[in-house]
Amino acid sequence: RAAGELAEHAHPFAAKALILAGEIALEVAGRVTLYQVGQI
């Protein structure tokens, strides 16, 4: 994904991911967690 963001949504599947490059911030129930390279 290029720099940017996605509005609140949900997926009909469970997802488990390993960050390979860059970073992602996930906000769940008002709590933001930042995941960086090597984190799951």
PDB file of all heavy atoms in Angstrom:
ATOM      1  N   ARG A   1       0.846  -1.189   0.000  1.00  0.00           N
ATOM      2  CA  ARG A   1       0.000   0.000   0.000  1.00  0.00           C
ATOM      3  C   ARG A   1       0.885   1.244   0.000  1.00  0.00           C
ATOM      4  O   ARG A   1       1.849   1.314   0.769  1.00  0.00           O
ATOM      5  CB  ARG A   1      -0.886   0.051   1.244  1.00  0.00           C
ATOM      6  CG  ARG A   1      -1.740  -1.174   1.455  1.00  0.00           C
ATOM      7  CD  ARG A   1      -3.103  -0.966   0.906  1.00  0.00           C
ATOM      8  NE  ARG A   1      -3.975  -2.052   1.372  1.00  0.00           N
ATOM      9  CZ  ARG A   1      -4.785  -2.698   0.563  1.00  0.00           C
ATOM     10  NH1 ARG A   1      -4.846  -2.403  -0.699  1.00  0.00           N
ATOM     11  NH2 ARG A   1      -5.543  -3.661   1.027  1.00  0.00           N
ATOM     12  N   ALA A   2       0.520   2.213  -0.837  1.00  0.00           N
ATOM     13  CA  ALA A   2       1.202   3.509  -0.833  1.00  0.00           C
ATOM     14  C   ALA A   2       0.789   4.271   0.422  1.00  0.00           C
ATOM     15  O   ALA A   2      -0.190   3.917   1.094  1.00  0.00           O
ATOM     16  CB  ALA A   2       0.816   4.289  -2.080  1.00  0.00           C
ATOM     17  N   ALA A   3       1.507   5.331   0.732  1.00  0.00           N
ATOM     18  CA  ALA A   3       1.146   6.168   1.870  1.00  0.00           C
ATOM     19  C   ALA A   3      -0.310   6.593   1.739  1.00  0.00           C
ATOM     20  O   ALA A   3      -0.780   6.924   0.652  1.00  0.00           O
ATOM     21  CB  ALA A   3       2.054   7.389   1.934  1.00  0.00           C
ATOM     22  N   GLY A   4      -1.028   6.534   2.838  1.00  0.00           N
ATOM     23  CA  GLY A   4      -2.445   6.890   2.846  1.00  0.00           C
ATOM     24  C   GLY A   4      -3.152   6.192   3.980  1.00  0.00           C
ATOM     25  O   GLY A   4      -2.520   5.749   4.941  1.00  0.00           O
ATOM     26  N   GLU A   5      -4.466   6.078   3.866  1.00  0.00           N
ATOM     27  CA  GLU A   5      -5.229   5.437   4.928  1.00  0.00           C
ATOM     28  C   GLU A   5      -6.531   4.872   4.383  1.00  0.00           C
ATOM     29  O   GLU A   5      -6.969   5.235   3.291  1.00  0.00           O
ATOM     30  CB  GLU A   5      -5.509   6.399   6.072  1.00  0.00           C
ATOM     31  CG  GLU A   5      -6.243   7.647   5.662  1.00  0.00           C
ATOM     32  CD  GLU A   5      -6.346   8.657   6.796  1.00  0.00           C
ATOM     33  OE1 GLU A   5      -5.348   8.917   7.473  1.00  0.00           O
ATOM     34  OE2 GLU A   5      -7.464   9.167   6.991  1.00  0.00           O
ATOM     35  N   LEU A   6      -7.120   3.966   5.147  1.00  0.00           N
ATOM     36  CA  LEU A   6      -8.434   3.410   4.843  1.00  0.00           C
ATOM     37  C   LEU A   6      -9.364   3.726   6.009  1.00  0.00           C
ATOM     38  O   LEU A   6      -8.993   3.557   7.171  1.00  0.00           O
ATOM     39  CB  LEU A   6      -8.366   1.890   4.670  1.00  0.00           C
ATOM     40  CG  LEU A   6      -7.793   1.362   3.362  1.00  0.00           C
ATOM     41  CD1 LEU A   6      -7.717  -0.161   3.399  1.00  0.00           C
ATOM     42  CD2 LEU A   6      -8.643   1.801   2.184  1.00  0.00           C
ATOM     43  N   ALA A   7     -10.567   4.158   5.670  1.00  0.00           N
ATOM     44  CA  ALA A   7     -11.569   4.453   6.693  1.00  0.00           C
ATOM     45  C   ALA A   7     -11.976   3.163   7.399  1.00  0.00           C
ATOM     46  O   ALA A   7     -11.645   2.057   6.962  1.00  0.00           O
ATOM     47  CB  ALA A   7     -12.785   5.105   6.045  1.00  0.00           C
ATOM     48  N   GLU A   8     -12.727   3.323   8.470  1.00  0.00           N
ATOM     49  CA  GLU A   8     -13.151   2.164   9.256  1.00  0.00           C
ATOM     50  C   GLU A   8     -13.882   1.143   8.383  1.00  0.00           C
ATOM     51  O   GLU A   8     -14.751   1.491   7.585  1.00  0.00           O
ATOM     52  CB  GLU A   8     -14.053   2.608  10.407  1.00  0.00           C
ATOM     53  CG  GLU A   8     -14.380   1.484  11.362  1.00  0.00           C
ATOM     54  CD  GLU A   8     -15.111   1.978  12.584  1.00  0.00           C
ATOM     55  OE1 GLU A   8     -16.232   2.509  12.429  1.00  0.00           O
ATOM     56  OE2 GLU A   8     -14.565   1.813  13.685  1.00  0.00           O
ATOM     57  N   HIS A   9     -13.491  -0.129   8.549  1.00  0.00           N
ATOM     58  CA  HIS A   9     -14.073  -1.227   7.791  1.00  0.00           C
ATOM     59  C   HIS A   9     -13.775  -2.527   8.526  1.00  0.00           C
ATOM     60  O   HIS A   9     -13.064  -2.536   9.523  1.00  0.00           O
ATOM     61  CB  HIS A   9     -13.491  -1.265   6.365  1.00  0.00           C
ATOM     62  CG  HIS A   9     -12.031  -1.563   6.324  1.00  0.00           C
ATOM     63  ND1 HIS A   9     -11.056  -0.628   6.642  1.00  0.00           N
ATOM     64  CD2 HIS A   9     -11.357  -2.702   6.019  1.00  0.00           C
ATOM     65  CE1 HIS A   9      -9.864  -1.177   6.525  1.00  0.00           C
ATOM     66  NE2 HIS A   9     -10.012  -2.441   6.148  1.00  0.00           N
ATOM     67  N   ALA A  10     -14.308  -3.613   8.019  1.00  0.00           N
ATOM     68  CA  ALA A  10     -14.049  -4.939   8.580  1.00  0.00           C
ATOM     69  C   ALA A  10     -13.901  -5.925   7.429  1.00  0.00           C
ATOM     70  O   ALA A  10     -14.364  -5.677   6.313  1.00  0.00           O
ATOM     71  CB  ALA A  10     -15.190  -5.370   9.493  1.00  0.00           C
ATOM     72  N   HIS A  11     -13.220  -7.035   7.696  1.00  0.00           N
ATOM     73  CA  HIS A  11     -13.043  -8.096   6.718  1.00  0.00           C
ATOM     74  C   HIS A  11     -13.805  -9.340   7.187  1.00  0.00           C
ATOM     75  O   HIS A  11     -13.830  -9.615   8.388  1.00  0.00           O
ATOM     76  CB  HIS A  11     -11.564  -8.482   6.589  1.00  0.00           C
ATOM     77  CG  HIS A  11     -10.659  -7.328   6.305  1.00  0.00           C
ATOM     78  ND1 HIS A  11     -10.588  -6.723   5.085  1.00  0.00           N
ATOM     79  CD2 HIS A  11      -9.770  -6.672   7.090  1.00  0.00           C
ATOM     80  CE1 HIS A  11      -9.699  -5.742   5.128  1.00  0.00           C
ATOM     81  NE2 HIS A  11      -9.194  -5.687   6.334  1.00  0.00           N
ATOM     82  N   PRO A  12     -14.370 -10.105   6.260  1.00  0.00           N
ATOM     83  CA  PRO A  12     -15.093 -11.319   6.661  1.00  0.00           C
ATOM     84  C   PRO A  12     -14.147 -12.496   6.943  1.00  0.00           C
ATOM     85  O   PRO A  12     -14.600 -13.622   7.065  1.00  0.00           O
ATOM     86  CB  PRO A  12     -15.982 -11.606   5.440  1.00  0.00           C
ATOM     87  CG  PRO A  12     -15.206 -11.057   4.292  1.00  0.00           C
ATOM     88  CD  PRO A  12     -14.503  -9.830   4.838  1.00  0.00           C
ATOM     89  N   PHE A  13     -12.869 -12.234   7.056  1.00  0.00           N
ATOM     90  CA  PHE A  13     -11.861 -13.269   7.307  1.00  0.00           C
ATOM     91  C   PHE A  13     -10.912 -12.797   8.397  1.00  0.00           C
ATOM     92  O   PHE A  13     -10.756 -11.594   8.619  1.00  0.00           O
ATOM     93  CB  PHE A  13     -11.067 -13.575   6.025  1.00  0.00           C
ATOM     94  CG  PHE A  13     -10.527 -12.344   5.337  1.00  0.00           C
ATOM     95  CD1 PHE A  13      -9.356 -11.720   5.779  1.00  0.00           C
ATOM     96  CD2 PHE A  13     -11.195 -11.796   4.255  1.00  0.00           C
ATOM     97  CE1 PHE A  13      -8.870 -10.581   5.150  1.00  0.00           C
ATOM     98  CE2 PHE A  13     -10.709 -10.656   3.622  1.00  0.00           C
ATOM     99  CZ  PHE A  13      -9.539 -10.053   4.074  1.00  0.00           C
ATOM    100  N   ALA A  14     -10.278 -13.742   9.080  1.00  0.00           N
ATOM    101  CA  ALA A  14      -9.201 -13.405  10.017  1.00  0.00           C
ATOM    102  C   ALA A  14      -7.947 -13.142   9.200  1.00  0.00           C
ATOM    103  O   ALA A  14      -7.732 -13.761   8.155  1.00  0.00           O
ATOM    104  CB  ALA A  14      -8.962 -14.560  10.976  1.00  0.00           C
ATOM    105  N   ALA A  15      -7.119 -12.215   9.656  1.00  0.00           N
ATOM    106  CA  ALA A  15      -5.880 -11.880   8.957  1.00  0.00           C
ATOM    107  C   ALA A  15      -4.725 -11.857   9.951  1.00  0.00           C
ATOM    108  O   ALA A  15      -4.859 -11.349  11.069  1.00  0.00           O
ATOM    109  CB  ALA A  15      -5.998 -10.522   8.272  1.00  0.00           C
ATOM    110  N   LYS A  16      -3.598 -12.419   9.529  1.00  0.00           N
ATOM    111  CA  LYS A  16      -2.379 -12.389  10.323  1.00  0.00           C
ATOM    112  C   LYS A  16      -1.261 -11.990   9.374  1.00  0.00           C
ATOM    113  O   LYS A  16      -1.099 -12.608   8.310  1.00  0.00           O
ATOM    114  CB  LYS A  16      -2.092 -13.751  10.951  1.00  0.00           C
ATOM    115  CG  LYS A  16      -0.942 -13.734  11.932  1.00  0.00           C
ATOM    116  CD  LYS A  16      -0.887 -15.037  12.701  1.00  0.00           C
ATOM    117  CE  LYS A  16       0.128 -14.946  13.821  1.00  0.00           C
ATOM    118  NZ  LYS A  16       0.105 -16.178  14.634  1.00  0.00           N
ATOM    119  N   ALA A  17      -0.493 -10.932   9.715  1.00  0.00           N
ATOM    120  CA  ALA A  17       0.463 -10.372   8.768  1.00  0.00           C
ATOM    121  C   ALA A  17       1.814 -10.074   9.406  1.00  0.00           C
ATOM    122  O   ALA A  17       1.890  -9.684  10.573  1.00  0.00           O
ATOM    123  CB  ALA A  17      -0.102  -9.093   8.157  1.00  0.00           C
ATOM    124  N   LEU A  18       2.847 -10.238   8.600  1.00  0.00           N
ATOM    125  CA  LEU A  18       4.224  -9.902   8.961  1.00  0.00           C
ATOM    126  C   LEU A  18       4.627  -8.683   8.141  1.00  0.00           C
ATOM    127  O   LEU A  18       4.559  -8.717   6.902  1.00  0.00           O
ATOM    128  CB  LEU A  18       5.164 -11.071   8.646  1.00  0.00           C
ATOM    129  CG  LEU A  18       6.657 -10.807   8.780  1.00  0.00           C
ATOM    130  CD1 LEU A  18       7.050 -10.555  10.235  1.00  0.00           C
ATOM    131  CD2 LEU A  18       7.460 -11.964   8.186  1.00  0.00           C
ATOM    132  N   ILE A  19       5.052  -7.610   8.798  1.00  0.00           N
ATOM    133  CA  ILE A  19       5.453  -6.390   8.103  1.00  0.00           C
ATOM    134  C   ILE A  19       6.828  -6.609   7.480  1.00  0.00           C
ATOM    135  O   ILE A  19       7.797  -6.937   8.173  1.00  0.00           O
ATOM    136  CB  ILE A  19       5.492  -5.177   9.065  1.00  0.00           C
ATOM    137  CG1 ILE A  19       4.186  -5.037   9.845  1.00  0.00           C
ATOM    138  CG2 ILE A  19       5.829  -3.898   8.289  1.00  0.00           C
ATOM    139  CD1 ILE A  19       2.951  -4.907   9.011  1.00  0.00           C
ATOM    140  N   LEU A  20       6.903  -6.399   6.156  1.00  0.00           N
ATOM    141  CA  LEU A  20       8.157  -6.588   5.418  1.00  0.00           C
ATOM    142  C   LEU A  20       8.872  -5.269   5.147  1.00  0.00           C
ATOM    143  O   LEU A  20      10.102  -5.234   5.073  1.00  0.00           O
ATOM    144  CB  LEU A  20       7.880  -7.282   4.082  1.00  0.00           C
ATOM    145  CG  LEU A  20       7.206  -8.655   4.159  1.00  0.00           C
ATOM    146  CD1 LEU A  20       6.837  -9.138   2.765  1.00  0.00           C
ATOM    147  CD2 LEU A  20       8.121  -9.648   4.867  1.00  0.00           C
ATOM    148  N   ALA A  21       8.114  -4.168   4.972  1.00  0.00           N
ATOM    149  CA  ALA A  21       8.696  -2.847   4.705  1.00  0.00           C
ATOM    150  C   ALA A  21       7.692  -1.787   5.138  1.00  0.00           C
ATOM    151  O   ALA A  21       6.481  -2.009   5.096  1.00  0.00           O
ATOM    152  CB  ALA A  21       9.016  -2.688   3.223  1.00  0.00           C
ATOM    153  N   GLY A  22       8.192  -0.632   5.550  1.00  0.00           N
ATOM    154  CA  GLY A  22       7.319   0.462   5.968  1.00  0.00           C
ATOM    155  C   GLY A  22       6.676   0.180   7.311  1.00  0.00           C
ATOM    156  O   GLY A  22       7.238  -0.522   8.155  1.00  0.00           O
ATOM    157  N   GLU A  23       5.471   0.730   7.490  1.00  0.00           N
ATOM    158  CA  GLU A  23       4.756   0.538   8.744  1.00  0.00           C
ATOM    159  C   GLU A  23       3.267   0.753   8.525  1.00  0.00           C
ATOM    160  O   GLU A  23       2.859   1.398   7.564  1.00  0.00           O
ATOM    161  CB  GLU A  23       5.280   1.479   9.824  1.00  0.00           C
ATOM    162  CG  GLU A  23       5.164   2.954   9.483  1.00  0.00           C
ATOM    163  CD  GLU A  23       5.870   3.854  10.480  1.00  0.00           C
ATOM    164  OE1 GLU A  23       6.975   3.508  10.939  1.00  0.00           O
ATOM    165  OE2 GLU A  23       5.300   4.910  10.794  1.00  0.00           O
ATOM    166  N   ILE A  24       2.480   0.188   9.426  1.00  0.00           N
ATOM    167  CA  ILE A  24       1.029   0.337   9.396  1.00  0.00           C
ATOM    168  C   ILE A  24       0.544   0.630  10.811  1.00  0.00           C
ATOM    169  O   ILE A  24       1.024   0.024  11.777  1.00  0.00           O
ATOM    170  CB  ILE A  24       0.344  -0.935   8.827  1.00  0.00           C
ATOM    171  CG1 ILE A  24      -1.172  -0.754   8.726  1.00  0.00           C
ATOM    172  CG2 ILE A  24       0.699  -2.163   9.632  1.00  0.00           C
ATOM    173  CD1 ILE A  24      -1.884  -1.906   8.025  1.00  0.00           C
ATOM    174  N   ALA A  25      -0.374   1.581  10.913  1.00  0.00           N
ATOM    175  CA  ALA A  25      -1.037   1.852  12.181  1.00  0.00           C
ATOM    176  C   ALA A  25      -2.460   1.326  12.067  1.00  0.00           C
ATOM    177  O   ALA A  25      -3.175   1.658  11.118  1.00  0.00           O
ATOM    178  CB  ALA A  25      -1.038   3.346  12.479  1.00  0.00           C
ATOM    179  N   LEU A  26      -2.855   0.490  13.008  1.00  0.00           N
ATOM    180  CA  LEU A  26      -4.214  -0.054  13.052  1.00  0.00           C
ATOM    181  C   LEU A  26      -4.935   0.530  14.254  1.00  0.00           C
ATOM    182  O   LEU A  26      -4.408   0.505  15.374  1.00  0.00           O
ATOM    183  CB  LEU A  26      -4.186  -1.574  13.168  1.00  0.00           C
ATOM    184  CG  LEU A  26      -3.578  -2.339  12.005  1.00  0.00           C
ATOM    185  CD1 LEU A  26      -3.551  -3.828  12.315  1.00  0.00           C
ATOM    186  CD2 LEU A  26      -4.349  -2.083  10.731  1.00  0.00           C
ATOM    187  N   GLU A  27      -6.124   1.040  14.017  1.00  0.00           N
ATOM    188  CA  GLU A  27      -6.960   1.534  15.108  1.00  0.00           C
ATOM    189  C   GLU A  27      -8.128   0.582  15.286  1.00  0.00           C
ATOM    190  O   GLU A  27      -8.909   0.364  14.361  1.00  0.00           O
ATOM    191  CB  GLU A  27      -7.485   2.935  14.803  1.00  0.00           C
ATOM    192  CG  GLU A  27      -8.347   3.490  15.918  1.00  0.00           C
ATOM    193  CD  GLU A  27      -8.896   4.869  15.624  1.00  0.00           C
ATOM    194  OE1 GLU A  27      -8.406   5.546  14.707  1.00  0.00           O
ATOM    195  OE2 GLU A  27      -9.840   5.256  16.339  1.00  0.00           O
ATOM    196  N   VAL A  28      -8.204  -0.011  16.471  1.00  0.00           N
ATOM    197  CA  VAL A  28      -9.271  -0.943  16.824  1.00  0.00           C
ATOM    198  C   VAL A  28      -9.864  -0.475  18.144  1.00  0.00           C
ATOM    199  O   VAL A  28      -9.130  -0.316  19.125  1.00  0.00           O
ATOM    200  CB  VAL A  28      -8.733  -2.390  16.954  1.00  0.00           C
ATOM    201  CG1 VAL A  28      -9.832  -3.330  17.395  1.00  0.00           C
ATOM    202  CG2 VAL A  28      -8.106  -2.852  15.648  1.00  0.00           C
ATOM    203  N   ALA A  29     -11.168  -0.248  18.160  1.00  0.00           N
ATOM    204  CA  ALA A  29     -11.872   0.183  19.378  1.00  0.00           C
ATOM    205  C   ALA A  29     -11.219   1.408  20.007  1.00  0.00           C
ATOM    206  O   ALA A  29     -11.063   1.488  21.225  1.00  0.00           O
ATOM    207  CB  ALA A  29     -11.956  -0.968  20.374  1.00  0.00           C
ATOM    208  N   GLY A  30     -10.797   2.366  19.170  1.00  0.00           N
ATOM    209  CA  GLY A  30     -10.216   3.605  19.662  1.00  0.00           C
ATOM    210  C   GLY A  30      -8.751   3.530  20.044  1.00  0.00           C
ATOM    211  O   GLY A  30      -8.151   4.537  20.408  1.00  0.00           O
ATOM    212  N   ARG A  31      -8.150   2.364  19.952  1.00  0.00           N
ATOM    213  CA  ARG A  31      -6.740   2.197  20.322  1.00  0.00           C
ATOM    214  C   ARG A  31      -5.904   2.027  19.053  1.00  0.00           C
ATOM    215  O   ARG A  31      -6.183   1.148  18.241  1.00  0.00           O
ATOM    216  CB  ARG A  31      -6.571   0.973  21.218  1.00  0.00           C
ATOM    217  CG  ARG A  31      -5.137   0.760  21.640  1.00  0.00           C
ATOM    218  CD  ARG A  31      -5.034  -0.333  22.693  1.00  0.00           C
ATOM    219  NE  ARG A  31      -3.633  -0.507  23.034  1.00  0.00           N
ATOM    220  CZ  ARG A  31      -3.026  -1.664  23.083  1.00  0.00           C
ATOM    221  NH1 ARG A  31      -3.687  -2.776  22.826  1.00  0.00           N
ATOM    222  NH2 ARG A  31      -1.758  -1.746  23.393  1.00  0.00           N
ATOM    223  N   VAL A  32      -4.865   2.854  18.915  1.00  0.00           N
ATOM    224  CA  VAL A  32      -3.985   2.799  17.742  1.00  0.00           C
ATOM    225  C   VAL A  32      -2.707   2.062  18.114  1.00  0.00           C
ATOM    226  O   VAL A  32      -2.073   2.371  19.124  1.00  0.00           O
ATOM    227  CB  VAL A  32      -3.637   4.221  17.235  1.00  0.00           C
ATOM    228  CG1 VAL A  32      -2.671   4.143  16.060  1.00  0.00           C
ATOM    229  CG2 VAL A  32      -4.903   4.972  16.849  1.00  0.00           C
ATOM    230  N   THR A  33      -2.328   1.083  17.271  1.00  0.00           N
ATOM    231  CA  THR A  33      -1.090   0.339  17.465  1.00  0.00           C
ATOM    232  C   THR A  33      -0.286   0.428  16.172  1.00  0.00           C
ATOM    233  O   THR A  33      -0.829   0.197  15.086  1.00  0.00           O
ATOM    234  CB  THR A  33      -1.369  -1.137  17.797  1.00  0.00           C
ATOM    235  OG1 THR A  33      -2.231  -1.188  18.950  1.00  0.00           O
ATOM    236  CG2 THR A  33      -0.081  -1.882  18.102  1.00  0.00           C
ATOM    237  N   LEU A  34       0.985   0.776  16.300  1.00  0.00           N
ATOM    238  CA  LEU A  34       1.889   0.893  15.152  1.00  0.00           C
ATOM    239  C   LEU A  34       2.690  -0.394  15.005  1.00  0.00           C
ATOM    240  O   LEU A  34       3.272  -0.882  15.980  1.00  0.00           O
ATOM    241  CB  LEU A  34       2.847   2.073  15.358  1.00  0.00           C
ATOM    242  CG  LEU A  34       3.842   2.323  14.230  1.00  0.00           C
ATOM    243  CD1 LEU A  34       3.127   2.758  12.956  1.00  0.00           C
ATOM    244  CD2 LEU A  34       4.856   3.372  14.660  1.00  0.00           C
ATOM    245  N   TYR A  35       2.702  -0.937  13.784  1.00  0.00           N
ATOM    246  CA  TYR A  35       3.465  -2.150  13.482  1.00  0.00           C
ATOM    247  C   TYR A  35       4.528  -1.803  12.455  1.00  0.00           C
ATOM    248  O   TYR A  35       4.236  -1.185  11.430  1.00  0.00           O
ATOM    249  CB  TYR A  35       2.549  -3.248  12.933  1.00  0.00           C
ATOM    250  CG  TYR A  35       1.513  -3.686  13.936  1.00  0.00           C
ATOM    251  CD1 TYR A  35       0.264  -3.074  13.971  1.00  0.00           C
ATOM    252  CD2 TYR A  35       1.791  -4.686  14.856  1.00  0.00           C
ATOM    253  CE1 TYR A  35      -0.688  -3.468  14.892  1.00  0.00           C
ATOM    254  CE2 TYR A  35       0.844  -5.087  15.780  1.00  0.00           C
ATOM    255  CZ  TYR A  35      -0.392  -4.470  15.795  1.00  0.00           C
ATOM    256  OH  TYR A  35      -1.336  -4.852  16.716  1.00  0.00           O
ATOM    257  N   GLN A  36       5.777  -2.212  12.744  1.00  0.00           N
ATOM    258  CA  GLN A  36       6.914  -1.915  11.885  1.00  0.00           C
ATOM    259  C   GLN A  36       7.562  -3.210  11.408  1.00  0.00           C
ATOM    260  O   GLN A  36       7.142  -4.301  11.802  1.00  0.00           O
ATOM    261  CB  GLN A  36       7.907  -1.042  12.645  1.00  0.00           C
ATOM    262  CG  GLN A  36       7.288   0.294  13.045  1.00  0.00           C
ATOM    263  CD  GLN A  36       8.184   1.128  13.915  1.00  0.00           C
ATOM    264  OE1 GLN A  36       8.799   0.629  14.858  1.00  0.00           O
ATOM    265  NE2 GLN A  36       8.263   2.414  13.624  1.00  0.00           N
ATOM    266  N   VAL A  37       8.585  -3.073  10.580  1.00  0.00           N
ATOM    267  CA  VAL A  37       9.263  -4.218   9.972  1.00  0.00           C
ATOM    268  C   VAL A  37       9.596  -5.278  11.028  1.00  0.00           C
ATOM    269  O   VAL A  37      10.144  -4.975  12.091  1.00  0.00           O
ATOM    270  CB  VAL A  37      10.542  -3.763   9.243  1.00  0.00           C
ATOM    271  CG1 VAL A  37      11.331  -4.964   8.739  1.00  0.00           C
ATOM    272  CG2 VAL A  37      10.185  -2.847   8.084  1.00  0.00           C
ATOM    273  N   GLY A  38       9.215  -6.521  10.706  1.00  0.00           N
ATOM    274  CA  GLY A  38       9.490  -7.648  11.588  1.00  0.00           C
ATOM    275  C   GLY A  38       8.401  -7.941  12.591  1.00  0.00           C
ATOM    276  O   GLY A  38       8.417  -8.995  13.235  1.00  0.00           O
ATOM    277  N   GLN A  39       7.429  -7.041  12.723  1.00  0.00           N
ATOM    278  CA  GLN A  39       6.352  -7.256  13.677  1.00  0.00           C
ATOM    279  C   GLN A  39       5.157  -7.921  12.995  1.00  0.00           C
ATOM    280  O   GLN A  39       4.973  -7.815  11.779  1.00  0.00           O
ATOM    281  CB  GLN A  39       5.930  -5.939  14.326  1.00  0.00           C
ATOM    282  CG  GLN A  39       7.025  -5.351  15.197  1.00  0.00           C
ATOM    283  CD  GLN A  39       6.580  -4.077  15.872  1.00  0.00           C
ATOM    284  OE1 GLN A  39       6.124  -3.141  15.240  1.00  0.00           O
ATOM    285  NE2 GLN A  39       6.707  -4.066  17.200  1.00  0.00           N
ATOM    286  N   ILE A  40       4.336  -8.566  13.796  1.00  0.00           N
ATOM    287  CA  ILE A  40       3.177  -9.310  13.308  1.00  0.00           C
ATOM    288  C   ILE A  40       1.907  -8.723  13.925  1.00  0.00           C
ATOM    289  O   ILE A  40       1.876  -8.416  15.117  1.00  0.00           O
ATOM    290  CB  ILE A  40       3.292 -10.798  13.693  1.00  0.00           C
ATOM    291  CG1 ILE A  40       4.488 -11.426  12.980  1.00  0.00           C
ATOM    292  CG2 ILE A  40       2.001 -11.557  13.383  1.00  0.00           C
ATOM    293  CD1 ILE A  40       4.840 -12.816  13.468  1.00  0.00           C
TER     294      ILE A  40
END
